[in-house]
């Protein structure tokens, strides 16, 4: 995991890497679970105010492109 301060300096990006390929739906479930557990740890109902999670969708149709994601620590 890598935590990177956003360019706005008002937030952060959390990057989670895997040594082996995993299904995007599983990665997204992990991300949402981490958000829920983090909210619980500070007595919040949810982190519903987070900006976005990439990839945005659980799957894409054959031939479609996924989401463009800039690698961490750009610039």
PDB file of N, CA and C in Angstrom:
ATOM      1  N   UNK A   1       0.851  -1.171   0.000  1.00  0.00           N
ATOM      2  CA  UNK A   1       0.000   0.000   0.000  1.00  0.00           C
ATOM      3  C   UNK A   1       0.898   1.235   0.000  1.00  0.00           C
ATOM      4  N   UNK A   2       0.448   2.244  -0.713  1.00  0.00           N
ATOM      5  CA  UNK A   2       1.161   3.508  -0.771  1.00  0.00           C
ATOM      6  C   UNK A   2       0.157   4.631  -0.570  1.00  0.00           C
ATOM      7  N   UNK A   3       0.466   5.567   0.313  1.00  0.00           N
ATOM      8  CA  UNK A   3      -0.389   6.727   0.535  1.00  0.00           C
ATOM      9  C   UNK A   3       0.315   7.933  -0.067  1.00  0.00           C
ATOM     10  N   UNK A   4      -0.405   8.659  -0.900  1.00  0.00           N
ATOM     11  CA  UNK A   4       0.149   9.810  -1.606  1.00  0.00           C
ATOM     12  C   UNK A   4      -0.743  11.014  -1.361  1.00  0.00           C
ATOM     13  N   UNK A   5      -0.144  12.137  -1.005  1.00  0.00           N
ATOM     14  CA  UNK A   5      -0.916  13.371  -0.815  1.00  0.00           C
ATOM     15  C   UNK A   5      -1.413  13.849  -2.179  1.00  0.00           C
ATOM     16  N   UNK A   6      -2.656  14.296  -2.240  1.00  0.00           N
ATOM     17  CA  UNK A   6      -3.207  14.785  -3.500  1.00  0.00           C
ATOM     18  C   UNK A   6      -2.589  16.123  -3.863  1.00  0.00           C
ATOM     19  N   UNK A   7      -2.671  16.481  -5.112  1.00  0.00           N
ATOM     20  CA  UNK A   7      -2.114  17.759  -5.556  1.00  0.00           C
ATOM     21  C   UNK A   7      -2.805  18.940  -4.886  1.00  0.00           C
ATOM     22  N   UNK A   8      -4.067  18.769  -4.523  1.00  0.00           N
ATOM     23  CA  UNK A   8      -4.800  19.853  -3.853  1.00  0.00           C
ATOM     24  C   UNK A   8      -4.319  20.042  -2.420  1.00  0.00           C
ATOM     25  N   UNK A   9      -3.604  19.076  -1.895  1.00  0.00           N
ATOM     26  CA  UNK A   9      -3.106  19.044  -0.526  1.00  0.00           C
ATOM     27  C   UNK A   9      -4.254  18.968   0.487  1.00  0.00           C
ATOM     28  N   UNK A  10      -5.455  18.688   0.027  1.00  0.00           N
ATOM     29  CA  UNK A  10      -6.619  18.578   0.921  1.00  0.00           C
ATOM     30  C   UNK A  10      -7.014  17.129   1.146  1.00  0.00           C
ATOM     31  N   UNK A  11      -6.324  16.214   0.523  1.00  0.00           N
ATOM     32  CA  UNK A  11      -6.688  14.812   0.650  1.00  0.00           C
ATOM     33  C   UNK A  11      -5.519  13.915   0.305  1.00  0.00           C
ATOM     34  N   UNK A  12      -5.809  12.632   0.218  1.00  0.00           N
ATOM     35  CA  UNK A  12      -4.775  11.656  -0.107  1.00  0.00           C
ATOM     36  C   UNK A  12      -5.318  10.653  -1.113  1.00  0.00           C
ATOM     37  N   UNK A  13      -4.392   9.959  -1.733  1.00  0.00           N
ATOM     38  CA  UNK A  13      -4.709   8.820  -2.591  1.00  0.00           C
ATOM     39  C   UNK A  13      -4.086   7.607  -1.922  1.00  0.00           C
ATOM     40  N   UNK A  14      -4.833   6.522  -1.857  1.00  0.00           N
ATOM     41  CA  UNK A  14      -4.307   5.277  -1.313  1.00  0.00           C
ATOM     42  C   UNK A  14      -4.230   4.288  -2.462  1.00  0.00           C
ATOM     43  N   UNK A  15      -3.023   3.829  -2.732  1.00  0.00           N
ATOM     44  CA  UNK A  15      -2.775   2.878  -3.816  1.00  0.00           C
ATOM     45  C   UNK A  15      -2.518   1.516  -3.191  1.00  0.00           C
ATOM     46  N   UNK A  16      -3.233   0.507  -3.661  1.00  0.00           N
ATOM     47  CA  UNK A  16      -3.038  -0.857  -3.171  1.00  0.00           C
ATOM     48  C   UNK A  16      -2.580  -1.705  -4.348  1.00  0.00           C
ATOM     49  N   UNK A  17      -1.446  -2.363  -4.172  1.00  0.00           N
ATOM     50  CA  UNK A  17      -0.852  -3.171  -5.236  1.00  0.00           C
ATOM     51  C   UNK A  17      -0.933  -4.647  -4.883  1.00  0.00           C
ATOM     52  N   UNK A  18      -1.020  -5.472  -5.904  1.00  0.00           N
ATOM     53  CA  UNK A  18      -1.073  -6.919  -5.724  1.00  0.00           C
ATOM     54  C   UNK A  18       0.064  -7.550  -6.532  1.00  0.00           C
ATOM     55  N   UNK A  19       0.685  -8.562  -5.962  1.00  0.00           N
ATOM     56  CA  UNK A  19       1.756  -9.254  -6.681  1.00  0.00           C
ATOM     57  C   UNK A  19       1.215 -10.123  -7.809  1.00  0.00           C
ATOM     58  N   UNK A  20      -0.037 -10.518  -7.699  1.00  0.00           N
ATOM     59  CA  UNK A  20      -0.650 -11.349  -8.734  1.00  0.00           C
ATOM     60  C   UNK A  20      -1.940 -10.681  -9.202  1.00  0.00           C
ATOM     61  N   UNK A  21      -2.348 -10.936 -10.431  1.00  0.00           N
ATOM     62  CA  UNK A  21      -3.598 -10.349 -10.920  1.00  0.00           C
ATOM     63  C   UNK A  21      -4.797 -10.849 -10.103  1.00  0.00           C
ATOM     64  N   UNK A  22      -5.725  -9.936  -9.822  1.00  0.00           N
ATOM     65  CA  UNK A  22      -6.964 -10.312  -9.149  1.00  0.00           C
ATOM     66  C   UNK A  22      -8.134  -9.676  -9.903  1.00  0.00           C
ATOM     67  N   UNK A  23      -9.296 -10.256  -9.745  1.00  0.00           N
ATOM     68  CA  UNK A  23     -10.487  -9.723 -10.405  1.00  0.00           C
ATOM     69  C   UNK A  23     -10.786  -8.338  -9.854  1.00  0.00           C
ATOM     70  N   UNK A  24     -11.143  -7.436 -10.746  1.00  0.00           N
ATOM     71  CA  UNK A  24     -11.412  -6.060 -10.322  1.00  0.00           C
ATOM     72  C   UNK A  24     -12.578  -6.003  -9.336  1.00  0.00           C
ATOM     73  N   UNK A  25     -13.554  -6.872  -9.480  1.00  0.00           N
ATOM     74  CA  UNK A  25     -14.685  -6.861  -8.539  1.00  0.00           C
ATOM     75  C   UNK A  25     -14.210  -7.175  -7.122  1.00  0.00           C
ATOM     76  N   UNK A  26     -13.230  -8.059  -6.984  1.00  0.00           N
ATOM     77  CA  UNK A  26     -12.680  -8.383  -5.667  1.00  0.00           C
ATOM     78  C   UNK A  26     -11.886  -7.203  -5.129  1.00  0.00           C
ATOM     79  N   UNK A  27     -11.119  -6.546  -5.985  1.00  0.00           N
ATOM     80  CA  UNK A  27     -10.344  -5.370  -5.561  1.00  0.00           C
ATOM     81  C   UNK A  27     -11.270  -4.260  -5.074  1.00  0.00           C
ATOM     82  N   UNK A  28     -12.372  -4.044  -5.790  1.00  0.00           N
ATOM     83  CA  UNK A  28     -13.318  -3.002  -5.382  1.00  0.00           C
ATOM     84  C   UNK A  28     -14.001  -3.364  -4.066  1.00  0.00           C
ATOM     85  N   UNK A  29     -14.348  -4.646  -3.881  1.00  0.00           N
ATOM     86  CA  UNK A  29     -14.939  -5.075  -2.605  1.00  0.00           C
ATOM     87  C   UNK A  29     -13.965  -4.836  -1.462  1.00  0.00           C
ATOM     88  N   UNK A  30     -12.687  -5.121  -1.690  1.00  0.00           N
ATOM     89  CA  UNK A  30     -11.669  -4.858  -0.677  1.00  0.00           C
ATOM     90  C   UNK A  30     -11.621  -3.366  -0.354  1.00  0.00           C
ATOM     91  N   UNK A  31     -11.618  -2.530  -1.376  1.00  0.00           N
ATOM     92  CA  UNK A  31     -11.580  -1.083  -1.164  1.00  0.00           C
ATOM     93  C   UNK A  31     -12.763  -0.588  -0.358  1.00  0.00           C
ATOM     94  N   UNK A  32     -13.964  -1.036  -0.710  1.00  0.00           N
ATOM     95  CA  UNK A  32     -15.155  -0.606   0.028  1.00  0.00           C
ATOM     96  C   UNK A  32     -15.140  -1.139   1.465  1.00  0.00           C
ATOM     97  N   UNK A  33     -14.638  -2.353   1.658  1.00  0.00           N
ATOM     98  CA  UNK A  33     -14.535  -2.903   3.013  1.00  0.00           C
ATOM     99  C   UNK A  33     -13.558  -2.083   3.848  1.00  0.00           C
ATOM    100  N   UNK A  34     -12.427  -1.704   3.253  1.00  0.00           N
ATOM    101  CA  UNK A  34     -11.455  -0.870   3.971  1.00  0.00           C
ATOM    102  C   UNK A  34     -12.062   0.488   4.346  1.00  0.00           C
ATOM    103  N   UNK A  35     -12.839   1.068   3.433  1.00  0.00           N
ATOM    104  CA  UNK A  35     -13.511   2.336   3.752  1.00  0.00           C
ATOM    105  C   UNK A  35     -14.474   2.168   4.920  1.00  0.00           C
ATOM    106  N   UNK A  36     -15.277   1.097   4.884  1.00  0.00           N
ATOM    107  CA  UNK A  36     -16.237   0.843   5.964  1.00  0.00           C
ATOM    108  C   UNK A  36     -15.533   0.624   7.306  1.00  0.00           C
ATOM    109  N   UNK A  37     -14.485  -0.195   7.307  1.00  0.00           N
ATOM    110  CA  UNK A  37     -13.761  -0.481   8.551  1.00  0.00           C
ATOM    111  C   UNK A  37     -13.062   0.773   9.074  1.00  0.00           C
ATOM    112  N   UNK A  38     -12.538   1.580   8.172  1.00  0.00           N
ATOM    113  CA  UNK A  38     -11.896   2.830   8.585  1.00  0.00           C
ATOM    114  C   UNK A  38     -12.907   3.772   9.224  1.00  0.00           C
ATOM    115  N   UNK A  39     -14.097   3.860   8.639  1.00  0.00           N
ATOM    116  CA  UNK A  39     -15.148   4.709   9.200  1.00  0.00           C
ATOM    117  C   UNK A  39     -15.532   4.219  10.596  1.00  0.00           C
ATOM    118  N   UNK A  40     -15.675   2.898  10.741  1.00  0.00           N
ATOM    119  CA  UNK A  40     -16.020   2.336  12.049  1.00  0.00           C
ATOM    120  C   UNK A  40     -14.976   2.691  13.098  1.00  0.00           C
ATOM    121  N   UNK A  41     -13.704   2.706  12.701  1.00  0.00           N
ATOM    122  CA  UNK A  41     -12.627   2.938  13.667  1.00  0.00           C
ATOM    123  C   UNK A  41     -12.638   4.360  14.230  1.00  0.00           C
ATOM    124  N   UNK A  42     -13.325   5.282  13.553  1.00  0.00           N
ATOM    125  CA  UNK A  42     -13.424   6.663  14.049  1.00  0.00           C
ATOM    126  C   UNK A  42     -14.881   7.041  14.330  1.00  0.00           C
ATOM    127  N   UNK A  43     -15.707   6.011  14.570  1.00  0.00           N
ATOM    128  CA  UNK A  43     -17.115   6.181  14.945  1.00  0.00           C
ATOM    129  C   UNK A  43     -17.924   6.968  13.921  1.00  0.00           C
ATOM    130  N   UNK A  44     -17.702   6.696  12.647  1.00  0.00           N
ATOM    131  CA  UNK A  44     -18.498   7.289  11.575  1.00  0.00           C
ATOM    132  C   UNK A  44     -19.350   6.198  10.942  1.00  0.00           C
ATOM    133  N   UNK A  45     -20.488   6.571  10.381  1.00  0.00           N
ATOM    134  CA  UNK A  45     -21.322   5.594   9.691  1.00  0.00           C
ATOM    135  C   UNK A  45     -20.655   5.113   8.414  1.00  0.00           C
ATOM    136  N   UNK A  46     -20.075   6.042   7.671  1.00  0.00           N
ATOM    137  CA  UNK A  46     -19.405   5.665   6.431  1.00  0.00           C
ATOM    138  C   UNK A  46     -18.471   6.778   5.980  1.00  0.00           C
ATOM    139  N   UNK A  47     -17.619   6.433   5.059  1.00  0.00           N
ATOM    140  CA  UNK A  47     -16.784   7.425   4.393  1.00  0.00           C
ATOM    141  C   UNK A  47     -17.428   7.747   3.056  1.00  0.00           C
ATOM    142  N   UNK A  48     -18.673   8.143   3.063  1.00  0.00           N
ATOM    143  CA  UNK A  48     -19.399   8.395   1.820  1.00  0.00           C
ATOM    144  C   UNK A  48     -18.892   9.623   1.095  1.00  0.00           C
ATOM    145  N   UNK A  49     -18.006  10.379   1.732  1.00  0.00           N
ATOM    146  CA  UNK A  49     -17.522  11.610   1.111  1.00  0.00           C
ATOM    147  C   UNK A  49     -16.223  11.403   0.337  1.00  0.00           C
ATOM    148  N   UNK A  50     -15.737  10.170   0.226  1.00  0.00           N
ATOM    149  CA  UNK A  50     -14.506   9.960  -0.533  1.00  0.00           C
ATOM    150  C   UNK A  50     -14.740  10.335  -1.993  1.00  0.00           C
ATOM    151  N   UNK A  51     -13.688  10.723  -2.672  1.00  0.00           N
ATOM    152  CA  UNK A  51     -13.815  11.224  -4.035  1.00  0.00           C
ATOM    153  C   UNK A  51     -14.266  10.180  -5.039  1.00  0.00           C
ATOM    154  N   UNK A  52     -13.469   9.145  -5.196  1.00  0.00           N
ATOM    155  CA  UNK A  52     -13.827   8.080  -6.134  1.00  0.00           C
ATOM    156  C   UNK A  52     -12.885   6.911  -5.933  1.00  0.00           C
ATOM    157  N   UNK A  53     -13.330   5.782  -6.408  1.00  0.00           N
ATOM    158  CA  UNK A  53     -12.510   4.578  -6.377  1.00  0.00           C
ATOM    159  C   UNK A  53     -12.305   4.123  -7.809  1.00  0.00           C
ATOM    160  N   UNK A  54     -11.068   3.859  -8.135  1.00  0.00           N
ATOM    161  CA  UNK A  54     -10.758   3.357  -9.472  1.00  0.00           C
ATOM    162  C   UNK A  54     -10.235   1.948  -9.353  1.00  0.00           C
ATOM    163  N   UNK A  55     -10.593   1.078 -10.237  1.00  0.00           N
ATOM    164  CA  UNK A  55     -11.484   1.274 -11.372  1.00  0.00           C
ATOM    165  C   UNK A  55     -12.922   1.524 -10.927  1.00  0.00           C
ATOM    166  N   UNK A  56     -13.645   2.192 -11.789  1.00  0.00           N
ATOM    167  CA  UNK A  56     -15.002   2.612 -11.463  1.00  0.00           C
ATOM    168  C   UNK A  56     -16.009   1.471 -11.593  1.00  0.00           C
ATOM    169  N   UNK A  57     -15.795   0.566 -12.515  1.00  0.00           N
ATOM    170  CA  UNK A  57     -16.750  -0.514 -12.746  1.00  0.00           C
ATOM    171  C   UNK A  57     -16.148  -1.863 -12.350  1.00  0.00           C
ATOM    172  N   UNK A  58     -17.023  -2.839 -12.094  1.00  0.00           N
ATOM    173  CA  UNK A  58     -16.569  -4.178 -11.707  1.00  0.00           C
ATOM    174  C   UNK A  58     -16.115  -5.006 -12.905  1.00  0.00           C
ATOM    175  N   UNK A  59     -16.592  -4.696 -14.087  1.00  0.00           N
ATOM    176  CA  UNK A  59     -16.183  -5.439 -15.280  1.00  0.00           C
ATOM    177  C   UNK A  59     -16.414  -4.566 -16.507  1.00  0.00           C
ATOM    178  N   UNK A  60     -15.777  -4.943 -17.608  1.00  0.00           N
ATOM    179  CA  UNK A  60     -16.012  -4.271 -18.885  1.00  0.00           C
ATOM    180  C   UNK A  60     -16.319  -5.334 -19.931  1.00  0.00           C
ATOM    181  N   UNK A  61     -17.026  -4.945 -20.952  1.00  0.00           N
ATOM    182  CA  UNK A  61     -17.349  -5.856 -22.044  1.00  0.00           C
ATOM    183  C   UNK A  61     -16.105  -6.075 -22.901  1.00  0.00           C
ATOM    184  N   UNK A  62     -16.055  -7.195 -23.585  1.00  0.00           N
ATOM    185  CA  UNK A  62     -14.925  -7.482 -24.473  1.00  0.00           C
ATOM    186  C   UNK A  62     -14.732  -6.351 -25.470  1.00  0.00           C
ATOM    187  N   UNK A  63     -13.496  -5.924 -25.628  1.00  0.00           N
ATOM    188  CA  UNK A  63     -13.178  -4.881 -26.580  1.00  0.00           C
ATOM    189  C   UNK A  63     -13.270  -3.473 -26.026  1.00  0.00           C
ATOM    190  N   UNK A  64     -13.866  -3.290 -24.853  1.00  0.00           N
ATOM    191  CA  UNK A  64     -13.955  -1.956 -24.255  1.00  0.00           C
ATOM    192  C   UNK A  64     -12.688  -1.657 -23.479  1.00  0.00           C
ATOM    193  N   UNK A  65     -12.404  -0.381 -23.334  1.00  0.00           N
ATOM    194  CA  UNK A  65     -11.260   0.042 -22.539  1.00  0.00           C
ATOM    195  C   UNK A  65     -11.699   0.313 -21.103  1.00  0.00           C
ATOM    196  N   UNK A  66     -10.795   0.108 -20.176  1.00  0.00           N
ATOM    197  CA  UNK A  66     -11.086   0.379 -18.774  1.00  0.00           C
ATOM    198  C   UNK A  66     -10.802   1.829 -18.441  1.00  0.00           C
ATOM    199  N   UNK A  67     -10.479   2.108 -17.204  1.00  0.00           N
ATOM    200  CA  UNK A  67     -10.237   3.466 -16.738  1.00  0.00           C
ATOM    201  C   UNK A  67      -8.768   3.844 -16.864  1.00  0.00           C
ATOM    202  N   UNK A  68      -8.513   5.060 -17.275  1.00  0.00           N
ATOM    203  CA  UNK A  68      -7.163   5.588 -17.303  1.00  0.00           C
ATOM    204  C   UNK A  68      -6.788   5.968 -15.878  1.00  0.00           C
ATOM    205  N   UNK A  69      -5.684   5.441 -15.397  1.00  0.00           N
ATOM    206  CA  UNK A  69      -5.237   5.722 -14.034  1.00  0.00           C
ATOM    207  C   UNK A  69      -3.788   6.207 -14.116  1.00  0.00           C
ATOM    208  N   UNK A  70      -3.539   7.398 -13.602  1.00  0.00           N
ATOM    209  CA  UNK A  70      -2.173   7.928 -13.551  1.00  0.00           C
ATOM    210  C   UNK A  70      -1.421   7.199 -12.440  1.00  0.00           C
ATOM    211  N   UNK A  71      -0.224   6.787 -12.732  1.00  0.00           N
ATOM    212  CA  UNK A  71       0.578   6.106 -11.730  1.00  0.00           C
ATOM    213  C   UNK A  71       0.900   7.028 -10.571  1.00  0.00           C
ATOM    214  N   UNK A  72       1.107   6.464  -9.366  1.00  0.00           N
ATOM    215  CA  UNK A  72       1.414   7.302  -8.214  1.00  0.00           C
ATOM    216  C   UNK A  72       2.724   8.056  -8.370  1.00  0.00           C
ATOM    217  N   UNK A  73       2.809   9.140  -7.630  1.00  0.00           N
ATOM    218  CA  UNK A  73       4.020   9.953  -7.548  1.00  0.00           C
ATOM    219  C   UNK A  73       4.394  10.604  -8.870  1.00  0.00           C
ATOM    220  N   UNK A  74       3.407  10.941  -9.667  1.00  0.00           N
ATOM    221  CA  UNK A  74       3.670  11.658 -10.917  1.00  0.00           C
ATOM    222  C   UNK A  74       4.094  13.088 -10.608  1.00  0.00           C
ATOM    223  N   UNK A  75       5.173  13.522 -11.188  1.00  0.00           N
ATOM    224  CA  UNK A  75       5.618  14.902 -11.037  1.00  0.00           C
ATOM    225  C   UNK A  75       6.128  15.187  -9.665  1.00  0.00           C
TER     226      UNK A  75
END
